[in-house]
Amino acid sequence: MPRPKSIIKRIEFDVAKKAHNCQHNKNHRIERGEARLKVWKERSAEHYCSDCALNIISRDISHLQLLAEKFKNNHD
């Protein structure tokens, strides 16, 4: 049986090897050794600070829960 597909992109929890700015908000600085969200976009990765990462993840969880509810309600 084939493995089920995922609609989630390639994302990872990562630790910064050097200091740089967050992809979402240039005012957020990710210092060396800090946790960050690594999202692959084609062949390169975008990096987000912890605050932005948590906002992105929370928003996406809410969106996926609403989508699941629509399918559940349509199925009944």
N, C-alpha and C. Protein backbone atom coordinates (compact mmCIF):
# COMPACT_ATOMS: atom_id res chain seq x y z
N MET A 1 0.84 -1.17 0.00
CA MET A 1 0.00 0.00 0.00
C MET A 1 0.89 1.25 0.00
N PRO A 2 0.60 2.24 -0.84
CA PRO A 2 1.45 3.43 -0.90
C PRO A 2 1.35 4.28 0.36
N ARG A 3 2.43 4.97 0.64
CA ARG A 3 2.47 5.86 1.80
C ARG A 3 1.56 7.06 1.55
N PRO A 4 0.78 7.48 2.55
CA PRO A 4 -0.10 8.64 2.36
C PRO A 4 0.70 9.91 2.10
N LYS A 5 0.17 10.76 1.25
CA LYS A 5 0.81 12.04 0.92
C LYS A 5 0.65 13.01 2.08
N SER A 6 1.53 13.99 2.16
CA SER A 6 1.44 15.04 3.16
C SER A 6 1.30 16.38 2.45
N ILE A 7 0.46 17.25 3.01
CA ILE A 7 0.31 18.59 2.44
C ILE A 7 1.25 19.58 3.13
N ILE A 8 2.00 19.09 4.13
CA ILE A 8 2.93 19.94 4.86
C ILE A 8 4.26 19.97 4.11
N LYS A 9 4.79 21.18 3.92
CA LYS A 9 6.08 21.35 3.24
C LYS A 9 7.20 20.76 4.09
N ARG A 10 8.37 20.75 3.53
CA ARG A 10 9.54 20.30 4.28
C ARG A 10 9.92 21.41 5.28
N ILE A 11 9.71 21.13 6.55
CA ILE A 11 10.02 22.08 7.61
C ILE A 11 10.82 21.38 8.69
N GLU A 12 11.67 22.13 9.38
CA GLU A 12 12.52 21.54 10.41
C GLU A 12 12.72 22.51 11.56
N PHE A 13 12.97 21.97 12.74
CA PHE A 13 13.46 22.73 13.88
C PHE A 13 14.97 22.76 13.70
N ASP A 14 15.56 23.92 13.86
CA ASP A 14 16.98 24.06 13.58
C ASP A 14 17.61 25.00 14.60
N VAL A 15 18.92 25.00 14.68
CA VAL A 15 19.66 25.91 15.55
C VAL A 15 20.58 26.73 14.65
N ALA A 16 20.55 28.05 14.83
CA ALA A 16 21.35 28.95 13.99
C ALA A 16 22.85 28.74 14.23
N LYS A 17 23.60 28.64 13.15
CA LYS A 17 25.04 28.49 13.23
C LYS A 17 25.74 29.84 13.24
N LYS A 18 25.02 30.87 12.77
CA LYS A 18 25.53 32.24 12.82
C LYS A 18 24.34 33.19 12.96
N ALA A 19 24.58 34.40 13.40
CA ALA A 19 23.52 35.38 13.60
C ALA A 19 23.02 35.89 12.24
N HIS A 20 21.71 36.09 12.16
CA HIS A 20 21.11 36.65 10.93
C HIS A 20 19.70 37.13 11.26
N ASN A 21 19.07 37.80 10.31
CA ASN A 21 17.72 38.31 10.50
C ASN A 21 16.68 37.26 10.14
N CYS A 22 15.52 37.38 10.75
CA CYS A 22 14.37 36.52 10.46
C CYS A 22 13.85 36.84 9.06
N GLN A 23 13.40 35.83 8.32
CA GLN A 23 12.85 36.04 6.98
C GLN A 23 11.55 36.84 7.01
N HIS A 24 10.76 36.66 8.06
CA HIS A 24 9.45 37.31 8.13
C HIS A 24 9.54 38.76 8.60
N ASN A 25 10.40 39.01 9.57
CA ASN A 25 10.51 40.34 10.15
C ASN A 25 12.00 40.69 10.31
N LYS A 26 12.46 41.61 9.50
CA LYS A 26 13.88 41.96 9.51
C LYS A 26 14.33 42.60 10.83
N ASN A 27 13.38 43.04 11.66
CA ASN A 27 13.71 43.60 12.97
C ASN A 27 13.99 42.52 14.01
N HIS A 28 13.63 41.26 13.69
CA HIS A 28 13.88 40.14 14.60
C HIS A 28 15.23 39.53 14.24
N ARG A 29 16.11 39.51 15.19
CA ARG A 29 17.46 38.98 14.99
C ARG A 29 17.55 37.58 15.59
N ILE A 30 18.05 36.64 14.83
CA ILE A 30 18.30 35.28 15.32
C ILE A 30 19.79 35.20 15.62
N GLU A 31 20.11 35.02 16.89
CA GLU A 31 21.51 34.95 17.30
C GLU A 31 22.04 33.53 17.17
N ARG A 32 23.34 33.41 17.09
CA ARG A 32 23.99 32.11 16.99
C ARG A 32 23.56 31.23 18.18
N GLY A 33 23.15 29.99 17.88
CA GLY A 33 22.75 29.05 18.92
C GLY A 33 21.27 29.09 19.26
N GLU A 34 20.52 30.06 18.72
CA GLU A 34 19.08 30.15 18.99
C GLU A 34 18.29 29.21 18.09
N ALA A 35 17.14 28.78 18.60
CA ALA A 35 16.25 27.92 17.82
C ALA A 35 15.61 28.74 16.71
N ARG A 36 15.34 28.08 15.59
CA ARG A 36 14.68 28.74 14.46
C ARG A 36 13.89 27.70 13.69
N LEU A 37 12.95 28.19 12.90
CA LEU A 37 12.16 27.33 12.02
C LEU A 37 12.79 27.40 10.63
N LYS A 38 13.07 26.25 10.06
CA LYS A 38 13.69 26.18 8.73
C LYS A 38 12.66 25.62 7.77
N VAL A 39 12.25 26.44 6.80
CA VAL A 39 11.24 26.05 5.81
C VAL A 39 11.91 26.03 4.45
N TRP A 40 11.88 24.87 3.82
CA TRP A 40 12.50 24.74 2.50
C TRP A 40 11.56 25.26 1.43
N LYS A 41 12.08 26.11 0.57
CA LYS A 41 11.34 26.66 -0.57
C LYS A 41 12.18 26.36 -1.80
N GLU A 42 11.74 25.38 -2.55
CA GLU A 42 12.49 24.85 -3.68
C GLU A 42 13.86 24.34 -3.19
N ARG A 43 14.96 24.93 -3.62
CA ARG A 43 16.28 24.42 -3.24
C ARG A 43 16.93 25.16 -2.09
N SER A 44 16.30 26.23 -1.61
CA SER A 44 16.90 26.99 -0.52
C SER A 44 15.95 27.03 0.67
N ALA A 45 16.50 27.36 1.82
CA ALA A 45 15.72 27.39 3.05
C ALA A 45 15.49 28.82 3.51
N GLU A 46 14.33 29.05 4.11
CA GLU A 46 14.03 30.31 4.75
C GLU A 46 14.01 30.05 6.25
N HIS A 47 14.52 31.01 7.03
CA HIS A 47 14.64 30.82 8.47
C HIS A 47 13.82 31.85 9.22
N TYR A 48 13.10 31.40 10.24
CA TYR A 48 12.21 32.25 11.03
C TYR A 48 12.57 32.15 12.51
N CYS A 49 12.51 33.29 13.19
CA CYS A 49 12.80 33.32 14.63
C CYS A 49 11.70 32.56 15.39
N SER A 50 11.92 32.31 16.66
CA SER A 50 10.96 31.56 17.48
C SER A 50 9.60 32.23 17.53
N ASP A 51 9.56 33.56 17.72
CA ASP A 51 8.27 34.26 17.81
C ASP A 51 7.48 34.13 16.52
N CYS A 52 8.12 34.39 15.40
CA CYS A 52 7.44 34.28 14.11
C CYS A 52 7.06 32.83 13.81
N ALA A 53 7.95 31.90 14.16
CA ALA A 53 7.68 30.47 13.93
C ALA A 53 6.43 30.02 14.68
N LEU A 54 6.33 30.42 15.95
CA LEU A 54 5.16 30.02 16.74
C LEU A 54 3.87 30.62 16.18
N ASN A 55 3.93 31.86 15.70
CA ASN A 55 2.75 32.48 15.08
C ASN A 55 2.36 31.75 13.79
N ILE A 56 3.35 31.43 12.97
CA ILE A 56 3.09 30.71 11.72
C ILE A 56 2.49 29.34 12.01
N ILE A 57 3.08 28.61 12.94
CA ILE A 57 2.61 27.26 13.27
C ILE A 57 1.20 27.32 13.84
N SER A 58 0.92 28.24 14.74
CA SER A 58 -0.42 28.35 15.34
C SER A 58 -1.48 28.68 14.28
N ARG A 59 -1.14 29.61 13.39
CA ARG A 59 -2.07 29.99 12.33
C ARG A 59 -2.35 28.80 11.41
N ASP A 60 -1.30 28.05 11.06
CA ASP A 60 -1.48 26.91 10.17
C ASP A 60 -2.25 25.77 10.83
N ILE A 61 -2.04 25.56 12.12
CA ILE A 61 -2.81 24.54 12.85
C ILE A 61 -4.29 24.91 12.82
N SER A 62 -4.59 26.17 13.08
CA SER A 62 -5.99 26.62 13.05
C SER A 62 -6.60 26.42 11.67
N HIS A 63 -5.84 26.76 10.64
CA HIS A 63 -6.33 26.59 9.27
C HIS A 63 -6.59 25.12 8.96
N LEU A 64 -5.69 24.23 9.36
CA LEU A 64 -5.87 22.80 9.10
C LEU A 64 -7.05 22.24 9.89
N GLN A 65 -7.27 22.72 11.12
CA GLN A 65 -8.41 22.26 11.92
C GLN A 65 -9.73 22.70 11.27
N LEU A 66 -9.79 23.92 10.76
CA LEU A 66 -11.00 24.38 10.07
C LEU A 66 -11.26 23.55 8.81
N LEU A 67 -10.20 23.26 8.09
CA LEU A 67 -10.33 22.45 6.89
C LEU A 67 -10.83 21.04 7.22
N ALA A 68 -10.29 20.45 8.28
CA ALA A 68 -10.73 19.12 8.71
C ALA A 68 -12.20 19.14 9.12
N GLU A 69 -12.62 20.19 9.83
CA GLU A 69 -14.02 20.32 10.24
C GLU A 69 -14.94 20.37 9.02
N LYS A 70 -14.55 21.10 8.00
CA LYS A 70 -15.36 21.18 6.78
C LYS A 70 -15.55 19.80 6.16
N PHE A 71 -14.49 19.00 6.14
CA PHE A 71 -14.60 17.65 5.58
C PHE A 71 -15.45 16.75 6.46
N LYS A 72 -15.30 16.89 7.79
CA LYS A 72 -16.12 16.09 8.72
C LYS A 72 -17.59 16.43 8.56
N ASN A 73 -17.92 17.72 8.49
CA ASN A 73 -19.32 18.16 8.36
C ASN A 73 -19.91 17.76 7.03
N ASN A 74 -19.10 17.73 5.99
CA ASN A 74 -19.57 17.35 4.66
C ASN A 74 -19.76 15.84 4.55
N HIS A 75 -19.01 15.11 5.35
CA HIS A 75 -19.05 13.65 5.31
C HIS A 75 -20.29 13.10 6.00
N ASP A 76 -20.79 13.80 7.02
CA ASP A 76 -21.95 13.30 7.79
C ASP A 76 -23.25 13.46 7.10
